[in-house]
Amino acid sequence: MGQAGAVTCRACGHEFQLSTGGGFKVQIVFCDDCGRGEAVAHDQRILGDGDPSAVVGLCGRCGGSLRLGASPRCPRCRSLELEPGGADLLWD
């Protein structure tokens, strides 16, 4: 199940919306450089055989690698220190 909600960066205080997880047809994966999340079809994700280091695409923002195991980052400072504010939306 996927979820979307507000998060706050602990490093710079920037507040933004973040989507994580997946549904029946897509999975949100993150760029290992800038942390941007993108939805990929499950057939693309399966190409990685579940390996967290598997590259499943290229980031549309910076050209970095979309990886199954990459973590979301703050879009302003790229910090990994994010404070969840709760799920505003759950989806399948």
PDB file of N, CA and C in Angstrom:
ATOM      1  N   MET A   1       0.840  -1.171   0.000  1.00  0.00           N
ATOM      2  CA  MET A   1       0.000   0.000   0.000  1.00  0.00           C
ATOM      3  C   MET A   1       0.888   1.238   0.000  1.00  0.00           C
ATOM      4  N   GLY A   2       0.479   2.247  -0.755  1.00  0.00           N
ATOM      5  CA  GLY A   2       1.218   3.490  -0.796  1.00  0.00           C
ATOM      6  C   GLY A   2       0.613   4.525   0.133  1.00  0.00           C
ATOM      7  N   GLN A   3       1.422   5.502   0.462  1.00  0.00           N
ATOM      8  CA  GLN A   3       0.924   6.592   1.294  1.00  0.00           C
ATOM      9  C   GLN A   3       1.596   7.890   0.888  1.00  0.00           C
ATOM     10  N   ALA A   4       0.905   8.980   1.116  1.00  0.00           N
ATOM     11  CA  ALA A   4       1.428  10.309   0.837  1.00  0.00           C
ATOM     12  C   ALA A   4       1.103  11.195   2.025  1.00  0.00           C
ATOM     13  N   GLY A   5       2.015  12.086   2.349  1.00  0.00           N
ATOM     14  CA  GLY A   5       1.783  12.986   3.464  1.00  0.00           C
ATOM     15  C   GLY A   5       2.875  14.029   3.566  1.00  0.00           C
ATOM     16  N   ALA A   6       2.686  14.938   4.484  1.00  0.00           N
ATOM     17  CA  ALA A   6       3.651  16.013   4.706  1.00  0.00           C
ATOM     18  C   ALA A   6       4.814  15.508   5.549  1.00  0.00           C
ATOM     19  N   VAL A   7       6.019  15.938   5.213  1.00  0.00           N
ATOM     20  CA  VAL A   7       7.210  15.664   6.008  1.00  0.00           C
ATOM     21  C   VAL A   7       7.986  16.965   6.171  1.00  0.00           C
ATOM     22  N   THR A   8       8.826  17.003   7.197  1.00  0.00           N
ATOM     23  CA  THR A   8       9.678  18.157   7.447  1.00  0.00           C
ATOM     24  C   THR A   8      11.117  17.699   7.512  1.00  0.00           C
ATOM     25  N   CYS A   9      12.000  18.420   6.844  1.00  0.00           N
ATOM     26  CA  CYS A   9      13.430  18.117   6.886  1.00  0.00           C
ATOM     27  C   CYS A   9      13.988  18.609   8.218  1.00  0.00           C
ATOM     28  N   ARG A  10      14.643  17.739   8.936  1.00  0.00           N
ATOM     29  CA  ARG A  10      15.241  18.117  10.221  1.00  0.00           C
ATOM     30  C   ARG A  10      16.460  19.020  10.041  1.00  0.00           C
ATOM     31  N   ALA A  11      17.103  18.938   8.885  1.00  0.00           N
ATOM     32  CA  ALA A  11      18.314  19.721   8.648  1.00  0.00           C
ATOM     33  C   ALA A  11      18.026  21.178   8.288  1.00  0.00           C
ATOM     34  N   CYS A  12      17.009  21.418   7.416  1.00  0.00           N
ATOM     35  CA  CYS A  12      16.777  22.802   6.958  1.00  0.00           C
ATOM     36  C   CYS A  12      15.370  23.317   7.260  1.00  0.00           C
ATOM     37  N   GLY A  13      14.477  22.449   7.767  1.00  0.00           N
ATOM     38  CA  GLY A  13      13.137  22.877   8.119  1.00  0.00           C
ATOM     39  C   GLY A  13      12.146  22.928   6.965  1.00  0.00           C
ATOM     40  N   HIS A  14      12.575  22.547   5.774  1.00  0.00           N
ATOM     41  CA  HIS A  14      11.688  22.575   4.599  1.00  0.00           C
ATOM     42  C   HIS A  14      10.561  21.557   4.767  1.00  0.00           C
ATOM     43  N   GLU A  15       9.317  21.984   4.499  1.00  0.00           N
ATOM     44  CA  GLU A  15       8.156  21.103   4.552  1.00  0.00           C
ATOM     45  C   GLU A  15       7.713  20.780   3.129  1.00  0.00           C
ATOM     46  N   PHE A  16       7.427  19.501   2.864  1.00  0.00           N
ATOM     47  CA  PHE A  16       7.018  19.092   1.524  1.00  0.00           C
ATOM     48  C   PHE A  16       6.194  17.814   1.593  1.00  0.00           C
ATOM     49  N   GLN A  17       5.537  17.489   0.487  1.00  0.00           N
ATOM     50  CA  GLN A  17       4.736  16.270   0.373  1.00  0.00           C
ATOM     51  C   GLN A  17       5.629  15.131  -0.110  1.00  0.00           C
ATOM     52  N   LEU A  18       5.434  13.948   0.462  1.00  0.00           N
ATOM     53  CA  LEU A  18       6.222  12.783   0.095  1.00  0.00           C
ATOM     54  C   LEU A  18       5.302  11.595  -0.117  1.00  0.00           C
ATOM     55  N   SER A  19       5.499  10.884  -1.223  1.00  0.00           N
ATOM     56  CA  SER A  19       4.770   9.647  -1.501  1.00  0.00           C
ATOM     57  C   SER A  19       5.736   8.484  -1.361  1.00  0.00           C
ATOM     58  N   THR A  20       5.283   7.402  -0.730  1.00  0.00           N
ATOM     59  CA  THR A  20       6.102   6.210  -0.550  1.00  0.00           C
ATOM     60  C   THR A  20       5.247   4.972  -0.792  1.00  0.00           C
ATOM     61  N   GLY A  21       5.913   3.831  -0.937  1.00  0.00           N
ATOM     62  CA  GLY A  21       5.199   2.561  -1.082  1.00  0.00           C
ATOM     63  C   GLY A  21       4.780   2.293  -2.505  1.00  0.00           C
ATOM     64  N   GLY A  22       3.677   1.572  -2.652  1.00  0.00           N
ATOM     65  CA  GLY A  22       3.219   1.211  -3.980  1.00  0.00           C
ATOM     66  C   GLY A  22       1.808   0.683  -3.949  1.00  0.00           C
ATOM     67  N   GLY A  23       1.345   0.324  -5.109  1.00  0.00           N
ATOM     68  CA  GLY A  23       0.001  -0.208  -5.252  1.00  0.00           C
ATOM     69  C   GLY A  23       0.028  -1.462  -6.100  1.00  0.00           C
ATOM     70  N   PHE A  24      -1.096  -1.729  -6.751  1.00  0.00           N
ATOM     71  CA  PHE A  24      -1.200  -2.931  -7.572  1.00  0.00           C
ATOM     72  C   PHE A  24      -0.320  -2.866  -8.817  1.00  0.00           C
ATOM     73  N   LYS A  25      -0.114  -1.669  -9.367  1.00  0.00           N
ATOM     74  CA  LYS A  25       0.579  -1.556 -10.645  1.00  0.00           C
ATOM     75  C   LYS A  25       1.908  -0.822 -10.589  1.00  0.00           C
ATOM     76  N   VAL A  26       2.116   0.010  -9.571  1.00  0.00           N
ATOM     77  CA  VAL A  26       3.345   0.809  -9.510  1.00  0.00           C
ATOM     78  C   VAL A  26       3.971   0.757  -8.118  1.00  0.00           C
ATOM     79  N   GLN A  27       5.242   1.098  -8.079  1.00  0.00           N
ATOM     80  CA  GLN A  27       6.006   1.212  -6.840  1.00  0.00           C
ATOM     81  C   GLN A  27       6.756   2.536  -6.903  1.00  0.00           C
ATOM     82  N   ILE A  28       6.764   3.293  -5.809  1.00  0.00           N
ATOM     83  CA  ILE A  28       7.548   4.528  -5.755  1.00  0.00           C
ATOM     84  C   ILE A  28       8.984   4.142  -5.405  1.00  0.00           C
ATOM     85  N   VAL A  29       9.932   4.550  -6.250  1.00  0.00           N
ATOM     86  CA  VAL A  29      11.355   4.340  -5.983  1.00  0.00           C
ATOM     87  C   VAL A  29      12.012   5.709  -5.983  1.00  0.00           C
ATOM     88  N   PHE A  30      13.189   5.793  -5.367  1.00  0.00           N
ATOM     89  CA  PHE A  30      13.845   7.086  -5.187  1.00  0.00           C
ATOM     90  C   PHE A  30      15.201   7.131  -5.869  1.00  0.00           C
ATOM     91  N   CYS A  31      15.568   8.331  -6.294  1.00  0.00           N
ATOM     92  CA  CYS A  31      16.878   8.574  -6.902  1.00  0.00           C
ATOM     93  C   CYS A  31      17.933   8.516  -5.803  1.00  0.00           C
ATOM     94  N   ASP A  32      19.038   7.820  -6.067  1.00  0.00           N
ATOM     95  CA  ASP A  32      20.078   7.735  -5.048  1.00  0.00           C
ATOM     96  C   ASP A  32      20.957   8.986  -5.004  1.00  0.00           C
ATOM     97  N   ASP A  33      20.725   9.951  -5.918  1.00  0.00           N
ATOM     98  CA  ASP A  33      21.465  11.208  -5.893  1.00  0.00           C
ATOM     99  C   ASP A  33      20.656  12.341  -5.262  1.00  0.00           C
ATOM    100  N   CYS A  34      19.463  12.631  -5.823  1.00  0.00           N
ATOM    101  CA  CYS A  34      18.687  13.776  -5.335  1.00  0.00           C
ATOM    102  C   CYS A  34      17.514  13.377  -4.449  1.00  0.00           C
ATOM    103  N   GLY A  35      17.153  12.081  -4.421  1.00  0.00           N
ATOM    104  CA  GLY A  35      16.078  11.618  -3.560  1.00  0.00           C
ATOM    105  C   GLY A  35      14.684  11.770  -4.121  1.00  0.00           C
ATOM    106  N   ARG A  36      14.553  12.244  -5.349  1.00  0.00           N
ATOM    107  CA  ARG A  36      13.226  12.403  -5.959  1.00  0.00           C
ATOM    108  C   ARG A  36      12.560  11.039  -6.117  1.00  0.00           C
ATOM    109  N   GLY A  37      11.271  10.981  -5.806  1.00  0.00           N
ATOM    110  CA  GLY A  37      10.514   9.749  -5.967  1.00  0.00           C
ATOM    111  C   GLY A  37       9.819   9.704  -7.310  1.00  0.00           C
ATOM    112  N   GLU A  38       9.845   8.552  -7.946  1.00  0.00           N
ATOM    113  CA  GLU A  38       9.153   8.351  -9.213  1.00  0.00           C
ATOM    114  C   GLU A  38       8.447   7.007  -9.166  1.00  0.00           C
ATOM    115  N   ALA A  39       7.304   6.937  -9.806  1.00  0.00           N
ATOM    116  CA  ALA A  39       6.549   5.689  -9.884  1.00  0.00           C
ATOM    117  C   ALA A  39       7.079   4.853 -11.040  1.00  0.00           C
ATOM    118  N   VAL A  40       7.354   3.584 -10.777  1.00  0.00           N
ATOM    119  CA  VAL A  40       7.752   2.661 -11.835  1.00  0.00           C
ATOM    120  C   VAL A  40       6.771   1.493 -11.840  1.00  0.00           C
ATOM    121  N   ALA A  41       6.512   0.970 -13.021  1.00  0.00           N
ATOM    122  CA  ALA A  41       5.618  -0.179 -13.157  1.00  0.00           C
ATOM    123  C   ALA A  41       6.265  -1.399 -12.512  1.00  0.00           C
ATOM    124  N   HIS A  42       5.442  -2.282 -11.966  1.00  0.00           N
ATOM    125  CA  HIS A  42       5.968  -3.469 -11.305  1.00  0.00           C
ATOM    126  C   HIS A  42       6.849  -4.307 -12.222  1.00  0.00           C
ATOM    127  N   ASP A  43       6.558  -4.337 -13.523  1.00  0.00           N
ATOM    128  CA  ASP A  43       7.402  -5.132 -14.405  1.00  0.00           C
ATOM    129  C   ASP A  43       8.814  -4.569 -14.478  1.00  0.00           C
ATOM    130  N   GLN A  44       8.986  -3.244 -14.365  1.00  0.00           N
ATOM    131  CA  GLN A  44      10.324  -2.654 -14.303  1.00  0.00           C
ATOM    132  C   GLN A  44      11.005  -3.044 -12.998  1.00  0.00           C
ATOM    133  N   ARG A  45      10.259  -2.977 -11.883  1.00  0.00           N
ATOM    134  CA  ARG A  45      10.812  -3.280 -10.565  1.00  0.00           C
ATOM    135  C   ARG A  45      11.272  -4.732 -10.500  1.00  0.00           C
ATOM    136  N   ILE A  46      10.516  -5.637 -11.126  1.00  0.00           N
ATOM    137  CA  ILE A  46      10.851  -7.057 -11.089  1.00  0.00           C
ATOM    138  C   ILE A  46      12.180  -7.311 -11.789  1.00  0.00           C
ATOM    139  N   LEU A  47      12.546  -6.449 -12.744  1.00  0.00           N
ATOM    140  CA  LEU A  47      13.828  -6.620 -13.424  1.00  0.00           C
ATOM    141  C   LEU A  47      14.985  -6.638 -12.442  1.00  0.00           C
ATOM    142  N   GLY A  48      14.831  -5.977 -11.306  1.00  0.00           N
ATOM    143  CA  GLY A  48      15.891  -5.957 -10.308  1.00  0.00           C
ATOM    144  C   GLY A  48      15.887  -7.170  -9.404  1.00  0.00           C
ATOM    145  N   ASP A  49      14.920  -8.071  -9.539  1.00  0.00           N
ATOM    146  CA  ASP A  49      14.805  -9.278  -8.704  1.00  0.00           C
ATOM    147  C   ASP A  49      14.826  -8.956  -7.217  1.00  0.00           C
ATOM    148  N   GLY A  50      14.338  -7.769  -6.836  1.00  0.00           N
ATOM    149  CA  GLY A  50      14.270  -7.404  -5.429  1.00  0.00           C
ATOM    150  C   GLY A  50      15.592  -6.942  -4.832  1.00  0.00           C
ATOM    151  N   ASP A  51      16.656  -6.897  -5.612  1.00  0.00           N
ATOM    152  CA  ASP A  51      17.962  -6.448  -5.135  1.00  0.00           C
ATOM    153  C   ASP A  51      17.894  -4.948  -4.845  1.00  0.00           C
ATOM    154  N   PRO A  52      18.128  -4.512  -3.582  1.00  0.00           N
ATOM    155  CA  PRO A  52      17.997  -3.091  -3.245  1.00  0.00           C
ATOM    156  C   PRO A  52      18.947  -2.176  -4.006  1.00  0.00           C
ATOM    157  N   SER A  53      20.033  -2.732  -4.546  1.00  0.00           N
ATOM    158  CA  SER A  53      20.970  -1.894  -5.290  1.00  0.00           C
ATOM    159  C   SER A  53      20.640  -1.860  -6.779  1.00  0.00           C
ATOM    160  N   ALA A  54      19.597  -2.585  -7.197  1.00  0.00           N
ATOM    161  CA  ALA A  54      19.239  -2.650  -8.616  1.00  0.00           C
ATOM    162  C   ALA A  54      18.735  -1.302  -9.119  1.00  0.00           C
ATOM    163  N   VAL A  55      19.249  -0.878 -10.257  1.00  0.00           N
ATOM    164  CA  VAL A  55      18.800   0.345 -10.916  1.00  0.00           C
ATOM    165  C   VAL A  55      17.584  -0.003 -11.757  1.00  0.00           C
ATOM    166  N   VAL A  56      16.468   0.716 -11.549  1.00  0.00           N
ATOM    167  CA  VAL A  56      15.250   0.438 -12.303  1.00  0.00           C
ATOM    168  C   VAL A  56      14.870   1.586 -13.236  1.00  0.00           C
ATOM    169  N   GLY A  57      15.709   2.598 -13.327  1.00  0.00           N
ATOM    170  CA  GLY A  57      15.447   3.717 -14.219  1.00  0.00           C
ATOM    171  C   GLY A  57      16.366   4.883 -13.922  1.00  0.00           C
ATOM    172  N   LEU A  58      16.188   5.960 -14.673  1.00  0.00           N
ATOM    173  CA  LEU A  58      16.964   7.182 -14.472  1.00  0.00           C
ATOM    174  C   LEU A  58      16.049   8.289 -13.990  1.00  0.00           C
ATOM    175  N   CYS A  59      16.556   9.120 -13.103  1.00  0.00           N
ATOM    176  CA  CYS A  59      15.806  10.224 -12.532  1.00  0.00           C
ATOM    177  C   CYS A  59      15.540  11.288 -13.601  1.00  0.00           C
ATOM    178  N   GLY A  60      14.296  11.744 -13.653  1.00  0.00           N
ATOM    179  CA  GLY A  60      13.923  12.791 -14.592  1.00  0.00           C
ATOM    180  C   GLY A  60      14.435  14.164 -14.197  1.00  0.00           C
ATOM    181  N   ARG A  61      14.845  14.350 -12.946  1.00  0.00           N
ATOM    182  CA  ARG A  61      15.333  15.647 -12.471  1.00  0.00           C
ATOM    183  C   ARG A  61      16.837  15.791 -12.660  1.00  0.00           C
ATOM    184  N   CYS A  62      17.612  14.815 -12.166  1.00  0.00           N
ATOM    185  CA  CYS A  62      19.065  14.988 -12.155  1.00  0.00           C
ATOM    186  C   CYS A  62      19.823  13.960 -12.991  1.00  0.00           C
ATOM    187  N   GLY A  63      19.132  12.924 -13.498  1.00  0.00           N
ATOM    188  CA  GLY A  63      19.802  11.896 -14.288  1.00  0.00           C
ATOM    189  C   GLY A  63      20.439  10.806 -13.455  1.00  0.00           C
ATOM    190  N   GLY A  64      20.260  10.859 -12.125  1.00  0.00           N
ATOM    191  CA  GLY A  64      20.797   9.826 -11.247  1.00  0.00           C
ATOM    192  C   GLY A  64      20.039   8.514 -11.404  1.00  0.00           C
ATOM    193  N   SER A  65      20.432   7.522 -10.633  1.00  0.00           N
ATOM    194  CA  SER A  65      19.839   6.193 -10.728  1.00  0.00           C
ATOM    195  C   SER A  65      18.669   6.033  -9.764  1.00  0.00           C
ATOM    196  N   LEU A  66      17.552   5.540 -10.285  1.00  0.00           N
ATOM    197  CA  LEU A  66      16.422   5.168  -9.435  1.00  0.00           C
ATOM    198  C   LEU A  66      16.697   3.757  -8.929  1.00  0.00           C
ATOM    199  N   ARG A  67      16.804   3.620  -7.609  1.00  0.00           N
ATOM    200  CA  ARG A  67      17.140   2.321  -7.016  1.00  0.00           C
ATOM    201  C   ARG A  67      16.054   1.894  -6.047  1.00  0.00           C
ATOM    202  N   LEU A  68      15.835   0.589  -5.964  1.00  0.00           N
ATOM    203  CA  LEU A  68      14.823   0.053  -5.060  1.00  0.00           C
ATOM    204  C   LEU A  68      15.119   0.428  -3.612  1.00  0.00           C
ATOM    205  N   GLY A  69      16.368   0.432  -3.193  1.00  0.00           N
ATOM    206  CA  GLY A  69      16.723   0.683  -1.803  1.00  0.00           C
ATOM    207  C   GLY A  69      17.080   2.118  -1.461  1.00  0.00           C
ATOM    208  N   ALA A  70      16.980   3.036  -2.425  1.00  0.00           N
ATOM    209  CA  ALA A  70      17.340   4.433  -2.153  1.00  0.00           C
ATOM    210  C   ALA A  70      16.283   5.083  -1.267  1.00  0.00           C
ATOM    211  N   SER A  71      16.721   5.988  -0.413  1.00  0.00           N
ATOM    212  CA  SER A  71      15.826   6.679   0.520  1.00  0.00           C
ATOM    213  C   SER A  71      15.421   8.042  -0.023  1.00  0.00           C
ATOM    214  N   PRO A  72      14.250   8.529   0.371  1.00  0.00           N
ATOM    215  CA  PRO A  72      13.850   9.882  -0.028  1.00  0.00           C
ATOM    216  C   PRO A  72      14.755  10.916   0.636  1.00  0.00           C
ATOM    217  N   ARG A  73      14.907  12.048  -0.008  1.00  0.00           N
ATOM    218  CA  ARG A  73      15.735  13.141   0.510  1.00  0.00           C
ATOM    219  C   ARG A  73      14.959  14.447   0.432  1.00  0.00           C
ATOM    220  N   CYS A  74      15.394  15.411   1.199  1.00  0.00           N
ATOM    221  CA  CYS A  74      14.814  16.746   1.134  1.00  0.00           C
ATOM    222  C   CYS A  74      15.129  17.342  -0.247  1.00  0.00           C
ATOM    223  N   PRO A  75      14.124  17.875  -0.947  1.00  0.00           N
ATOM    224  CA  PRO A  75      14.395  18.457  -2.264  1.00  0.00           C
ATOM    225  C   PRO A  75      15.211  19.748  -2.201  1.00  0.00           C
ATOM    226  N   ARG A  76      15.258  20.375  -1.040  1.00  0.00           N
ATOM    227  CA  ARG A  76      16.013  21.629  -0.908  1.00  0.00           C
ATOM    228  C   ARG A  76      17.486  21.371  -0.581  1.00  0.00           C
ATOM    229  N   CYS A  77      17.767  20.559   0.461  1.00  0.00           N
ATOM    230  CA  CYS A  77      19.155  20.380   0.901  1.00  0.00           C
ATOM    231  C   CYS A  77      19.682  18.958   0.708  1.00  0.00           C
ATOM    232  N   ARG A  78      18.827  18.045   0.260  1.00  0.00           N
ATOM    233  CA  ARG A  78      19.153  16.633   0.001  1.00  0.00           C
ATOM    234  C   ARG A  78      19.487  15.827   1.252  1.00  0.00           C
ATOM    235  N   SER A  79      19.096  16.314   2.398  1.00  0.00           N
ATOM    236  CA  SER A  79      19.309  15.586   3.647  1.00  0.00           C
ATOM    237  C   SER A  79      18.395  14.361   3.702  1.00  0.00           C
ATOM    238  N   LEU A  80      18.871  13.328   4.380  1.00  0.00           N
ATOM    239  CA  LEU A  80      18.073  12.119   4.612  1.00  0.00           C
ATOM    240  C   LEU A  80      17.295  12.202   5.923  1.00  0.00           C
ATOM    241  N   GLU A  81      17.510  13.262   6.703  1.00  0.00           N
ATOM    242  CA  GLU A  81      16.882  13.402   8.017  1.00  0.00           C
ATOM    243  C   GLU A  81      15.490  14.024   7.872  1.00  0.00           C
ATOM    244  N   LEU A  82      14.484  13.158   7.697  1.00  0.00           N
ATOM    245  CA  LEU A  82      13.112  13.609   7.478  1.00  0.00           C
ATOM    246  C   LEU A  82      12.222  13.200   8.633  1.00  0.00           C
ATOM    247  N   GLU A  83      11.360  14.119   9.040  1.00  0.00           N
ATOM    248  CA  GLU A  83      10.403  13.883  10.128  1.00  0.00           C
ATOM    249  C   GLU A  83       9.013  13.709   9.531  1.00  0.00           C
ATOM    250  N   PRO A  84       8.444  12.495   9.603  1.00  0.00           N
ATOM    251  CA  PRO A  84       7.106  12.313   9.043  1.00  0.00           C
ATOM    252  C   PRO A  84       6.055  13.069   9.840  1.00  0.00           C
ATOM    253  N   GLY A  85       5.073  13.590   9.105  1.00  0.00           N
ATOM    254  CA  GLY A  85       3.986  14.315   9.745  1.00  0.00           C
ATOM    255  C   GLY A  85       2.690  13.526   9.742  1.00  0.00           C
ATOM    256  N   GLY A  86       2.742  12.279   9.313  1.00  0.00           N
ATOM    257  CA  GLY A  86       1.537  11.453   9.241  1.00  0.00           C
ATOM    258  C   GLY A  86       1.065  11.264   7.820  1.00  0.00           C
ATOM    259  N   ALA A  87       0.359  10.185   7.594  1.00  0.00           N
ATOM    260  CA  ALA A  87      -0.153   9.885   6.255  1.00  0.00           C
ATOM    261  C   ALA A  87      -1.470  10.629   6.030  1.00  0.00           C
ATOM    262  N   ASP A  88      -1.482  11.478   5.020  1.00  0.00           N
ATOM    263  CA  ASP A  88      -2.709  12.193   4.662  1.00  0.00           C
ATOM    264  C   ASP A  88      -3.555  11.375   3.702  1.00  0.00           C
ATOM    265  N   LEU A  89      -2.894  10.485   2.940  1.00  0.00           N
ATOM    266  CA  LEU A  89      -3.568   9.736   1.904  1.00  0.00           C
ATOM    267  C   LEU A  89      -2.978   8.340   1.834  1.00  0.00           C
ATOM    268  N   LEU A  90      -3.818   7.324   1.838  1.00  0.00           N
ATOM    269  CA  LEU A  90      -3.396   5.940   1.616  1.00  0.00           C
ATOM    270  C   LEU A  90      -3.976   5.499   0.291  1.00  0.00           C
ATOM    271  N   TRP A  91      -3.192   4.760  -0.514  1.00  0.00           N
ATOM    272  CA  TRP A  91      -3.651   4.335  -1.837  1.00  0.00           C
ATOM    273  C   TRP A  91      -3.162   2.936  -2.158  1.00  0.00           C
ATOM    274  N   ASP A  92      -3.833   2.306  -3.119  1.00  0.00           N
ATOM    275  CA  ASP A  92      -3.468   0.967  -3.581  1.00  0.00           C
ATOM    276  C   ASP A  92      -3.155   0.971  -5.046  1.00  0.00           C
TER     277      ASP A  92
END
